[in-house]
Structures are given as structure tokens and as C-alpha cells.
């Protein structure tokens, strides 16, 4: 993020939002992420029309389930994890908090003894959350609007899982 901000003349202290960045800037950042050997891009997209009404009415249940599917298999064998979570999930009323859900998945389903610390920094101070915002925006624009340029920049690096998609959809 520091290299990107310098390349585009953006103050290091400024928060980057993909929704206000130019298409060229979004594409450039995603190309940078794709070429970074230490960067891993994983995402889950959900075809909401096929999600049961109950889960659509309880978005945090679906959020927890999808996030558990995304993270748990990749962190179950580690000794410790520091996870930065966008504070967005705190704004959704949750019968079971995300932290509890993820720990339960790791300990019960995977028999993992990973020590997990979950922090919720404001996105303005987290370059990781800002980068994830660009990734999510590219995925959203690809699936919802058919825009492929930014998605194409990261697609080769992206491990993407689809939930509830019709079998005949390859989008």
C-alpha cells in the first residue's frame, strides 16, 4: 500500500477507498497485489437469490458461515494468528459473535489449537483492510456489473469459492 500511495501521490496517512479511486488506480493496485509473492487473495461470493430466506434475514449467520469456510482451513494448522477484521461485522446484529463462531469452528470441527487474536482496527489505519476493499470491489463489480478489467488483474492470484450458485452458472 505504501508503494501504491507513493506511485499515485497519495499521502501515506490517507485512507484509500476503492469506490472513489479511478479505474486505473484500482487496476494498478490489484496488479501490484497479484505480483506480490507474500500476498494471498481468497474470497467467497454468494448468489443471494439461492440463499434461504432465513439466512437472508439473518445476514450475520451467513457472514460467519462464509468467513469460517474461507479462513478456518487455512489457519487451522498454525500455532497463532492475528486477524484484522473490518469493523463492518460489528454493525450487524449477531446472535453468535464472529469471534465465537470462528473459534468454535477451529476447535470443534478442525480440532485445532491455534491461538487466535482478533482485532478490529478502523480501515483508515489498516493497509490490509484497505487492500481487501479493493479486492472486494473488483469481485463485486465483476459479478454484479460484468466489469472484468480490475477482476482480471487479480484473477490469477485469487482463490475464489462460490456459494449457492446455480450449477449452470459459470460467472
N, C-alpha and C. Protein backbone atom coordinates (compact mmCIF):
# COMPACT_ATOMS: atom_id res chain seq x y z
N UNK A 1 0.82 -1.19 0.00
CA UNK A 1 0.00 0.00 0.00
C UNK A 1 0.87 1.26 0.00
N UNK A 2 2.00 1.19 0.70
CA UNK A 2 2.88 2.35 0.73
C UNK A 2 3.41 2.66 -0.67
N UNK A 3 3.85 1.60 -1.40
CA UNK A 3 4.35 1.81 -2.77
C UNK A 3 3.24 2.36 -3.66
N UNK A 4 2.06 1.85 -3.51
CA UNK A 4 0.94 2.31 -4.32
C UNK A 4 0.64 3.78 -4.04
N UNK A 5 0.56 4.13 -2.78
CA UNK A 5 0.26 5.51 -2.41
C UNK A 5 1.34 6.46 -2.93
N UNK A 6 2.60 6.04 -2.82
CA UNK A 6 3.68 6.88 -3.34
C UNK A 6 3.56 7.05 -4.85
N UNK A 7 3.28 5.95 -5.56
CA UNK A 7 3.17 6.00 -7.02
C UNK A 7 2.05 6.93 -7.49
N UNK A 8 1.00 7.04 -6.69
CA UNK A 8 -0.14 7.88 -7.08
C UNK A 8 -0.18 9.21 -6.32
N UNK A 9 0.88 9.51 -5.57
CA UNK A 9 0.96 10.79 -4.87
C UNK A 9 -0.08 10.94 -3.78
N UNK A 10 -0.43 9.85 -3.13
CA UNK A 10 -1.43 9.86 -2.07
C UNK A 10 -0.70 9.87 -0.73
N UNK A 11 -1.05 10.80 0.15
CA UNK A 11 -0.39 10.82 1.46
C UNK A 11 -0.54 9.47 2.17
N UNK A 12 0.53 9.02 2.81
CA UNK A 12 0.51 7.72 3.48
C UNK A 12 -0.58 7.62 4.54
N UNK A 13 -0.93 8.74 5.15
CA UNK A 13 -1.95 8.72 6.20
C UNK A 13 -3.38 8.71 5.65
N UNK A 14 -3.54 8.88 4.35
CA UNK A 14 -4.88 8.90 3.76
C UNK A 14 -5.46 7.50 3.63
N UNK A 15 -6.76 7.40 3.92
CA UNK A 15 -7.45 6.12 3.73
C UNK A 15 -7.83 5.97 2.26
N UNK A 16 -7.56 4.79 1.73
CA UNK A 16 -7.93 4.51 0.35
C UNK A 16 -9.25 3.78 0.32
N UNK A 17 -10.14 4.23 -0.53
CA UNK A 17 -11.43 3.57 -0.76
C UNK A 17 -11.52 3.27 -2.24
N UNK A 18 -11.80 2.05 -2.58
CA UNK A 18 -11.87 1.67 -3.99
C UNK A 18 -13.00 2.37 -4.72
N UNK A 19 -14.06 2.70 -4.01
CA UNK A 19 -15.21 3.33 -4.66
C UNK A 19 -14.90 4.74 -5.17
N UNK A 20 -13.89 5.38 -4.61
CA UNK A 20 -13.54 6.73 -5.07
C UNK A 20 -12.26 6.75 -5.90
N UNK A 21 -11.61 5.61 -6.01
CA UNK A 21 -10.38 5.54 -6.81
C UNK A 21 -10.73 5.41 -8.29
N UNK A 22 -9.84 5.88 -9.13
CA UNK A 22 -10.06 5.77 -10.57
C UNK A 22 -9.91 4.31 -10.99
N UNK A 23 -10.51 3.93 -12.11
CA UNK A 23 -10.33 2.56 -12.60
C UNK A 23 -8.85 2.22 -12.81
N UNK A 24 -8.06 3.19 -13.26
CA UNK A 24 -6.63 2.96 -13.46
C UNK A 24 -5.93 2.67 -12.14
N UNK A 25 -6.28 3.43 -11.10
CA UNK A 25 -5.67 3.22 -9.79
C UNK A 25 -6.08 1.85 -9.22
N UNK A 26 -7.36 1.50 -9.35
CA UNK A 26 -7.81 0.19 -8.86
C UNK A 26 -7.06 -0.94 -9.57
N UNK A 27 -6.97 -0.83 -10.88
CA UNK A 27 -6.27 -1.86 -11.68
C UNK A 27 -4.80 -1.95 -11.26
N UNK A 28 -4.16 -0.81 -11.10
CA UNK A 28 -2.74 -0.78 -10.72
C UNK A 28 -2.52 -1.47 -9.37
N UNK A 29 -3.34 -1.15 -8.39
CA UNK A 29 -3.18 -1.75 -7.07
C UNK A 29 -3.39 -3.26 -7.13
N UNK A 30 -4.39 -3.70 -7.86
CA UNK A 30 -4.65 -5.13 -7.96
C UNK A 30 -3.51 -5.86 -8.67
N UNK A 31 -2.92 -5.22 -9.68
CA UNK A 31 -1.75 -5.81 -10.35
C UNK A 31 -0.58 -5.93 -9.36
N UNK A 32 -0.41 -4.91 -8.54
CA UNK A 32 0.65 -4.96 -7.53
C UNK A 32 0.42 -6.12 -6.56
N UNK A 33 -0.82 -6.28 -6.10
CA UNK A 33 -1.14 -7.37 -5.18
C UNK A 33 -0.90 -8.72 -5.85
N UNK A 34 -1.30 -8.83 -7.12
CA UNK A 34 -1.15 -10.09 -7.85
C UNK A 34 0.31 -10.48 -8.01
N UNK A 35 1.19 -9.50 -8.09
CA UNK A 35 2.61 -9.80 -8.30
C UNK A 35 3.38 -9.97 -6.99
N UNK A 36 2.74 -9.72 -5.86
CA UNK A 36 3.39 -9.83 -4.56
C UNK A 36 3.38 -11.29 -4.10
N UNK A 37 4.54 -11.88 -3.96
CA UNK A 37 4.65 -13.28 -3.56
C UNK A 37 4.17 -13.57 -2.16
N UNK A 38 4.04 -12.56 -1.31
CA UNK A 38 3.58 -12.78 0.07
C UNK A 38 2.10 -12.49 0.23
N UNK A 39 1.44 -12.15 -0.84
CA UNK A 39 0.02 -11.80 -0.79
C UNK A 39 -0.82 -12.99 -1.23
N UNK A 40 -1.81 -13.33 -0.44
CA UNK A 40 -2.75 -14.38 -0.78
C UNK A 40 -4.14 -13.76 -0.86
N UNK A 41 -4.85 -14.04 -1.92
CA UNK A 41 -6.18 -13.47 -2.12
C UNK A 41 -7.20 -14.60 -2.15
N UNK A 42 -8.07 -14.60 -1.17
CA UNK A 42 -9.13 -15.59 -1.09
C UNK A 42 -10.44 -14.87 -0.87
N UNK A 43 -11.48 -15.38 -1.52
CA UNK A 43 -12.79 -14.74 -1.38
C UNK A 43 -13.89 -15.76 -1.59
N UNK A 44 -15.04 -15.45 -1.04
CA UNK A 44 -16.25 -16.23 -1.26
C UNK A 44 -17.29 -15.27 -1.80
N UNK A 45 -17.96 -15.68 -2.88
CA UNK A 45 -19.08 -14.92 -3.40
C UNK A 45 -20.34 -15.75 -3.19
N UNK A 46 -21.41 -15.07 -2.87
CA UNK A 46 -22.66 -15.75 -2.57
C UNK A 46 -23.73 -15.30 -3.56
N UNK A 47 -24.39 -16.25 -4.17
CA UNK A 47 -25.52 -15.97 -5.06
C UNK A 47 -26.74 -15.89 -4.15
N UNK A 48 -27.07 -14.66 -3.74
CA UNK A 48 -28.05 -14.45 -2.69
C UNK A 48 -29.46 -14.94 -3.04
N UNK A 49 -29.80 -14.94 -4.32
CA UNK A 49 -31.14 -15.41 -4.69
C UNK A 49 -31.39 -16.86 -4.31
N UNK A 50 -30.33 -17.64 -4.18
CA UNK A 50 -30.48 -19.04 -3.80
C UNK A 50 -30.28 -19.30 -2.31
N UNK A 51 -30.06 -18.24 -1.54
CA UNK A 51 -29.90 -18.38 -0.10
C UNK A 51 -31.29 -18.40 0.53
N UNK A 52 -31.48 -19.31 1.46
CA UNK A 52 -32.77 -19.41 2.13
C UNK A 52 -33.13 -18.08 2.78
N UNK A 53 -34.42 -17.79 2.77
CA UNK A 53 -34.92 -16.52 3.28
C UNK A 53 -34.44 -16.27 4.71
N UNK A 54 -34.43 -17.29 5.54
CA UNK A 54 -34.00 -17.12 6.93
C UNK A 54 -32.58 -16.57 6.99
N UNK A 55 -31.69 -17.11 6.17
CA UNK A 55 -30.31 -16.62 6.18
C UNK A 55 -30.19 -15.22 5.62
N UNK A 56 -31.05 -14.88 4.67
CA UNK A 56 -31.03 -13.50 4.16
C UNK A 56 -31.52 -12.53 5.23
N UNK A 57 -32.38 -12.98 6.09
CA UNK A 57 -32.90 -12.12 7.16
C UNK A 57 -31.94 -12.07 8.35
N UNK A 58 -31.04 -13.02 8.43
CA UNK A 58 -30.02 -13.07 9.49
C UNK A 58 -28.64 -13.02 8.84
N UNK A 59 -28.26 -11.85 8.29
CA UNK A 59 -27.03 -11.79 7.50
C UNK A 59 -25.77 -12.19 8.26
N UNK A 60 -25.75 -12.01 9.58
CA UNK A 60 -24.54 -12.35 10.30
C UNK A 60 -24.30 -13.85 10.34
N UNK A 61 -25.36 -14.65 10.32
CA UNK A 61 -25.19 -16.10 10.27
C UNK A 61 -24.49 -16.51 8.98
N UNK A 62 -24.94 -15.94 7.86
CA UNK A 62 -24.32 -16.24 6.57
C UNK A 62 -22.89 -15.70 6.53
N UNK A 63 -22.68 -14.51 7.05
CA UNK A 63 -21.35 -13.91 7.11
C UNK A 63 -20.39 -14.81 7.91
N UNK A 64 -20.82 -15.25 9.08
CA UNK A 64 -19.99 -16.11 9.90
C UNK A 64 -19.68 -17.42 9.19
N UNK A 65 -20.70 -18.03 8.61
CA UNK A 65 -20.52 -19.31 7.91
C UNK A 65 -19.52 -19.16 6.75
N UNK A 66 -19.72 -18.16 5.92
CA UNK A 66 -18.84 -17.95 4.77
C UNK A 66 -17.42 -17.63 5.21
N UNK A 67 -17.29 -16.80 6.21
CA UNK A 67 -15.95 -16.45 6.70
C UNK A 67 -15.25 -17.65 7.31
N UNK A 68 -16.00 -18.48 8.02
CA UNK A 68 -15.42 -19.71 8.56
C UNK A 68 -14.93 -20.63 7.46
N UNK A 69 -15.74 -20.77 6.39
CA UNK A 69 -15.32 -21.59 5.25
C UNK A 69 -14.05 -21.03 4.61
N UNK A 70 -13.96 -19.73 4.57
CA UNK A 70 -12.83 -19.07 3.92
C UNK A 70 -11.54 -19.17 4.74
N UNK A 71 -11.65 -18.97 6.04
CA UNK A 71 -10.45 -18.86 6.88
C UNK A 71 -10.00 -20.14 7.56
N UNK A 72 -10.92 -20.85 8.16
CA UNK A 72 -10.56 -21.97 9.04
C UNK A 72 -9.63 -22.99 8.39
N UNK A 73 -9.89 -23.44 7.16
CA UNK A 73 -8.98 -24.44 6.58
C UNK A 73 -7.55 -23.94 6.40
N UNK A 74 -7.38 -22.63 6.29
CA UNK A 74 -6.05 -22.08 6.04
C UNK A 74 -5.28 -21.73 7.31
N UNK A 75 -5.98 -21.61 8.42
CA UNK A 75 -5.29 -21.24 9.66
C UNK A 75 -5.31 -22.34 10.70
N UNK A 76 -6.02 -23.42 10.44
CA UNK A 76 -6.18 -24.49 11.44
C UNK A 76 -4.85 -25.10 11.89
N UNK A 77 -3.85 -25.16 11.04
CA UNK A 77 -2.58 -25.79 11.38
C UNK A 77 -1.54 -24.84 11.93
N UNK A 78 -1.87 -23.58 12.05
CA UNK A 78 -0.92 -22.60 12.56
C UNK A 78 -0.91 -22.60 14.08
N UNK A 79 0.16 -22.10 14.67
CA UNK A 79 0.20 -22.03 16.14
C UNK A 79 -0.51 -20.78 16.65
N UNK A 80 -0.38 -19.66 15.92
CA UNK A 80 -1.07 -18.44 16.34
C UNK A 80 -1.40 -17.59 15.12
N UNK A 81 -2.47 -16.82 15.26
CA UNK A 81 -2.95 -15.96 14.17
C UNK A 81 -3.39 -14.63 14.77
N UNK A 82 -2.99 -13.56 14.11
CA UNK A 82 -3.51 -12.23 14.42
C UNK A 82 -4.37 -11.85 13.23
N UNK A 83 -5.66 -11.74 13.44
CA UNK A 83 -6.61 -11.49 12.37
C UNK A 83 -7.19 -10.08 12.51
N UNK A 84 -7.04 -9.29 11.46
CA UNK A 84 -7.64 -7.95 11.43
C UNK A 84 -8.95 -8.04 10.68
N UNK A 85 -10.02 -7.72 11.36
CA UNK A 85 -11.36 -7.82 10.80
C UNK A 85 -11.93 -6.43 10.61
N UNK A 86 -12.55 -6.21 9.48
CA UNK A 86 -13.21 -4.93 9.24
C UNK A 86 -14.32 -4.76 10.28
N UNK A 87 -14.38 -3.61 10.94
CA UNK A 87 -15.41 -3.41 11.96
C UNK A 87 -16.84 -3.51 11.41
N UNK A 88 -17.02 -3.64 10.11
CA UNK A 88 -18.33 -3.77 9.49
C UNK A 88 -19.16 -4.86 10.15
N UNK A 89 -18.54 -5.98 10.51
CA UNK A 89 -19.33 -7.07 11.05
C UNK A 89 -19.92 -6.74 12.42
N UNK A 90 -19.39 -5.77 13.09
CA UNK A 90 -19.95 -5.37 14.38
C UNK A 90 -21.28 -4.64 14.21
N UNK A 91 -21.53 -4.10 13.03
CA UNK A 91 -22.74 -3.32 12.80
C UNK A 91 -23.95 -4.21 12.54
N UNK A 92 -23.73 -5.50 12.34
CA UNK A 92 -24.82 -6.43 12.08
C UNK A 92 -25.16 -7.10 13.39
N UNK A 93 -26.45 -7.10 13.76
CA UNK A 93 -26.87 -7.76 14.99
C UNK A 93 -26.58 -9.25 14.87
N UNK A 94 -25.80 -9.77 15.80
CA UNK A 94 -25.36 -11.16 15.68
C UNK A 94 -25.77 -11.98 16.90
N UNK A 95 -26.56 -13.03 16.69
CA UNK A 95 -26.87 -13.91 17.81
C UNK A 95 -25.60 -14.61 18.32
N UNK A 96 -24.73 -14.97 17.42
CA UNK A 96 -23.43 -15.55 17.80
C UNK A 96 -22.36 -14.67 17.20
N UNK A 97 -21.56 -14.13 18.02
CA UNK A 97 -20.50 -13.24 17.55
C UNK A 97 -19.52 -13.99 16.66
N UNK A 98 -18.94 -13.26 15.73
CA UNK A 98 -17.98 -13.82 14.79
C UNK A 98 -16.82 -14.52 15.50
N UNK A 99 -16.28 -13.88 16.52
CA UNK A 99 -15.13 -14.43 17.23
C UNK A 99 -15.45 -15.83 17.78
N UNK A 100 -16.60 -15.94 18.43
CA UNK A 100 -17.01 -17.23 18.99
C UNK A 100 -17.19 -18.26 17.89
N UNK A 101 -17.84 -17.85 16.83
CA UNK A 101 -18.10 -18.78 15.74
C UNK A 101 -16.80 -19.32 15.15
N UNK A 102 -15.86 -18.44 14.85
CA UNK A 102 -14.61 -18.87 14.25
C UNK A 102 -13.83 -19.78 15.19
N UNK A 103 -13.76 -19.41 16.45
CA UNK A 103 -13.06 -20.26 17.42
C UNK A 103 -13.73 -21.63 17.54
N UNK A 104 -15.05 -21.65 17.55
CA UNK A 104 -15.78 -22.92 17.64
C UNK A 104 -15.48 -23.79 16.42
N UNK A 105 -15.48 -23.19 15.23
CA UNK A 105 -15.16 -23.94 14.01
C UNK A 105 -13.76 -24.53 14.10
N UNK A 106 -12.81 -23.71 14.51
CA UNK A 106 -11.43 -24.17 14.58
C UNK A 106 -11.24 -25.28 15.62
N UNK A 107 -11.81 -25.09 16.80
CA UNK A 107 -11.58 -26.04 17.88
C UNK A 107 -12.43 -27.30 17.72
N UNK A 108 -13.70 -27.16 17.36
CA UNK A 108 -14.61 -28.30 17.31
C UNK A 108 -14.51 -29.07 15.98
N UNK A 109 -14.60 -28.38 14.89
CA UNK A 109 -14.60 -29.06 13.59
C UNK A 109 -13.21 -29.52 13.18
N UNK A 110 -12.21 -28.66 13.38
CA UNK A 110 -10.86 -28.98 12.89
C UNK A 110 -9.92 -29.47 13.98
N UNK A 111 -10.39 -29.50 15.23
CA UNK A 111 -9.57 -29.91 16.37
C UNK A 111 -8.25 -29.15 16.40
N UNK A 112 -8.34 -27.89 16.09
CA UNK A 112 -7.17 -27.01 16.03
C UNK A 112 -6.96 -26.33 17.37
N UNK A 113 -5.72 -26.19 17.75
CA UNK A 113 -5.42 -25.46 18.98
C UNK A 113 -4.74 -24.12 18.67
N UNK A 114 -5.02 -23.59 17.49
CA UNK A 114 -4.45 -22.32 17.09
C UNK A 114 -4.89 -21.23 18.08
N UNK A 115 -3.95 -20.41 18.47
CA UNK A 115 -4.26 -19.25 19.30
C UNK A 115 -4.62 -18.12 18.35
N UNK A 116 -5.84 -17.63 18.47
CA UNK A 116 -6.29 -16.60 17.52
C UNK A 116 -6.65 -15.33 18.27
N UNK A 117 -6.05 -14.24 17.82
CA UNK A 117 -6.36 -12.91 18.35
C UNK A 117 -7.04 -12.15 17.22
N UNK A 118 -8.21 -11.60 17.53
CA UNK A 118 -8.98 -10.88 16.52
C UNK A 118 -9.03 -9.41 16.92
N UNK A 119 -8.55 -8.58 16.02
CA UNK A 119 -8.59 -7.13 16.26
C UNK A 119 -9.48 -6.47 15.21
N UNK A 120 -9.99 -5.31 15.52
CA UNK A 120 -10.88 -4.59 14.61
C UNK A 120 -10.41 -3.14 14.45
N UNK A 121 -9.31 -2.96 13.72
CA UNK A 121 -8.83 -1.59 13.52
C UNK A 121 -9.75 -0.84 12.55
N UNK A 122 -9.81 0.44 12.69
CA UNK A 122 -10.52 1.24 11.69
C UNK A 122 -9.79 1.08 10.37
N UNK A 123 -10.54 1.02 9.31
CA UNK A 123 -9.93 0.82 7.99
C UNK A 123 -8.96 1.94 7.65
N UNK A 124 -9.16 3.11 8.22
CA UNK A 124 -8.28 4.24 7.91
C UNK A 124 -6.85 4.00 8.37
N UNK A 125 -6.63 3.08 9.32
CA UNK A 125 -5.28 2.82 9.81
C UNK A 125 -4.79 1.42 9.44
N UNK A 126 -5.56 0.69 8.66
CA UNK A 126 -5.19 -0.67 8.30
C UNK A 126 -5.00 -0.79 6.79
N UNK A 127 -3.74 -0.90 6.37
CA UNK A 127 -3.50 -1.05 4.93
C UNK A 127 -4.04 -2.38 4.42
N UNK A 128 -4.08 -3.40 5.26
CA UNK A 128 -4.64 -4.69 4.85
C UNK A 128 -6.12 -4.60 4.56
N UNK A 129 -6.85 -3.91 5.41
CA UNK A 129 -8.30 -3.75 5.18
C UNK A 129 -8.53 -2.89 3.94
N UNK A 130 -7.69 -1.88 3.73
CA UNK A 130 -7.83 -1.05 2.54
C UNK A 130 -7.57 -1.86 1.27
N UNK A 131 -6.57 -2.73 1.30
CA UNK A 131 -6.28 -3.57 0.14
C UNK A 131 -7.43 -4.55 -0.10
N UNK A 132 -7.97 -5.11 0.99
CA UNK A 132 -9.11 -6.03 0.87
C UNK A 132 -10.32 -5.32 0.27
N UNK A 133 -10.47 -4.04 0.57
CA UNK A 133 -11.56 -3.25 0.00
C UNK A 133 -11.45 -3.20 -1.53
N UNK A 134 -10.25 -3.05 -2.04
CA UNK A 134 -10.03 -3.02 -3.49
C UNK A 134 -10.34 -4.39 -4.11
N UNK A 135 -9.91 -5.44 -3.43
CA UNK A 135 -10.19 -6.78 -3.91
C UNK A 135 -11.70 -7.04 -3.95
N UNK A 136 -12.37 -6.74 -2.86
CA UNK A 136 -13.82 -6.96 -2.79
C UNK A 136 -14.56 -6.13 -3.83
N UNK A 137 -14.11 -4.91 -4.05
CA UNK A 137 -14.75 -4.06 -5.05
C UNK A 137 -14.60 -4.65 -6.45
N UNK A 138 -13.43 -5.19 -6.76
CA UNK A 138 -13.22 -5.79 -8.08
C UNK A 138 -14.11 -7.02 -8.27
N UNK A 139 -14.23 -7.82 -7.22
CA UNK A 139 -15.08 -9.01 -7.29
C UNK A 139 -16.54 -8.59 -7.43
N UNK A 140 -16.97 -7.61 -6.63
CA UNK A 140 -18.35 -7.12 -6.72
C UNK A 140 -18.65 -6.61 -8.12
N UNK A 141 -17.78 -5.77 -8.65
CA UNK A 141 -18.02 -5.20 -9.98
C UNK A 141 -18.04 -6.28 -11.06
N UNK A 142 -17.26 -7.32 -10.89
CA UNK A 142 -17.24 -8.42 -11.86
C UNK A 142 -18.58 -9.17 -11.85
N UNK A 143 -19.02 -9.55 -10.67
CA UNK A 143 -20.23 -10.37 -10.58
C UNK A 143 -21.52 -9.57 -10.72
N UNK A 144 -21.54 -8.34 -10.25
CA UNK A 144 -22.77 -7.55 -10.30
C UNK A 144 -22.90 -6.69 -11.55
N UNK A 145 -21.78 -6.27 -12.11
CA UNK A 145 -21.84 -5.34 -13.26
C UNK A 145 -21.16 -5.87 -14.51
N UNK A 146 -20.52 -7.02 -14.39
CA UNK A 146 -19.85 -7.60 -15.55
C UNK A 146 -18.56 -6.90 -15.93
N UNK A 147 -18.00 -6.09 -15.03
CA UNK A 147 -16.73 -5.40 -15.29
C UNK A 147 -15.59 -6.39 -15.05
N UNK A 148 -14.70 -6.50 -16.02
CA UNK A 148 -13.67 -7.53 -15.93
C UNK A 148 -12.24 -7.02 -15.82
N UNK A 149 -12.00 -5.76 -16.08
CA UNK A 149 -10.61 -5.28 -16.13
C UNK A 149 -9.91 -5.44 -14.79
N UNK A 150 -10.47 -4.90 -13.73
CA UNK A 150 -9.83 -5.00 -12.42
C UNK A 150 -9.85 -6.43 -11.89
N UNK A 151 -10.95 -7.12 -12.10
CA UNK A 151 -11.04 -8.52 -11.69
C UNK A 151 -9.99 -9.34 -12.43
N UNK A 152 -9.81 -9.08 -13.69
CA UNK A 152 -8.81 -9.79 -14.48
C UNK A 152 -7.40 -9.57 -13.97
N UNK A 153 -7.15 -8.40 -13.36
CA UNK A 153 -5.81 -8.09 -12.85
C UNK A 153 -5.44 -8.99 -11.68
N UNK A 154 -6.42 -9.45 -10.94
CA UNK A 154 -6.15 -10.24 -9.74
C UNK A 154 -6.61 -11.69 -9.88
N UNK A 155 -7.35 -11.99 -10.91
CA UNK A 155 -7.98 -13.30 -11.05
C UNK A 155 -7.00 -14.47 -10.95
N UNK A 156 -5.82 -14.35 -11.53
CA UNK A 156 -4.84 -15.42 -11.48
C UNK A 156 -4.32 -15.71 -10.08
N UNK A 157 -4.40 -14.74 -9.21
CA UNK A 157 -3.91 -14.85 -7.83
C UNK A 157 -5.03 -15.22 -6.85
N UNK A 158 -6.26 -15.13 -7.34
CA UNK A 158 -7.43 -15.24 -6.48
C UNK A 158 -7.92 -16.67 -6.35
N UNK A 159 -8.07 -17.10 -5.10
CA UNK A 159 -8.74 -18.36 -4.80
C UNK A 159 -10.18 -18.01 -4.48
N UNK A 160 -11.07 -18.33 -5.40
CA UNK A 160 -12.46 -17.91 -5.28
C UNK A 160 -13.37 -19.10 -5.07
N UNK A 161 -14.24 -18.98 -4.11
CA UNK A 161 -15.24 -20.03 -3.85
C UNK A 161 -16.62 -19.43 -4.04
N UNK A 162 -17.48 -20.18 -4.70
CA UNK A 162 -18.86 -19.74 -4.94
C UNK A 162 -19.81 -20.53 -4.06
N UNK A 163 -20.74 -19.82 -3.42
CA UNK A 163 -21.76 -20.47 -2.60
C UNK A 163 -23.14 -20.19 -3.19
N UNK A 164 -23.94 -21.23 -3.26
CA UNK A 164 -25.34 -21.15 -3.68
C UNK A 164 -25.53 -20.73 -5.13
N UNK A 165 -24.50 -20.87 -5.96
CA UNK A 165 -24.63 -20.55 -7.37
C UNK A 165 -25.36 -21.69 -8.07
N UNK A 166 -26.19 -21.36 -9.07
CA UNK A 166 -26.80 -22.43 -9.87
C UNK A 166 -25.72 -23.24 -10.55
N UNK A 167 -25.96 -24.51 -10.76
CA UNK A 167 -24.96 -25.38 -11.38
C UNK A 167 -24.57 -24.95 -12.78
N UNK A 168 -25.50 -24.36 -13.52
CA UNK A 168 -25.20 -24.00 -14.90
C UNK A 168 -24.57 -22.61 -15.04
N UNK A 169 -24.32 -21.93 -13.89
CA UNK A 169 -23.71 -20.61 -13.95
C UNK A 169 -22.22 -20.72 -13.76
N UNK A 170 -21.47 -20.19 -14.69
CA UNK A 170 -20.00 -20.21 -14.61
C UNK A 170 -19.47 -18.80 -14.40
N UNK A 171 -20.32 -17.87 -14.04
CA UNK A 171 -19.92 -16.46 -13.90
C UNK A 171 -18.90 -16.29 -12.81
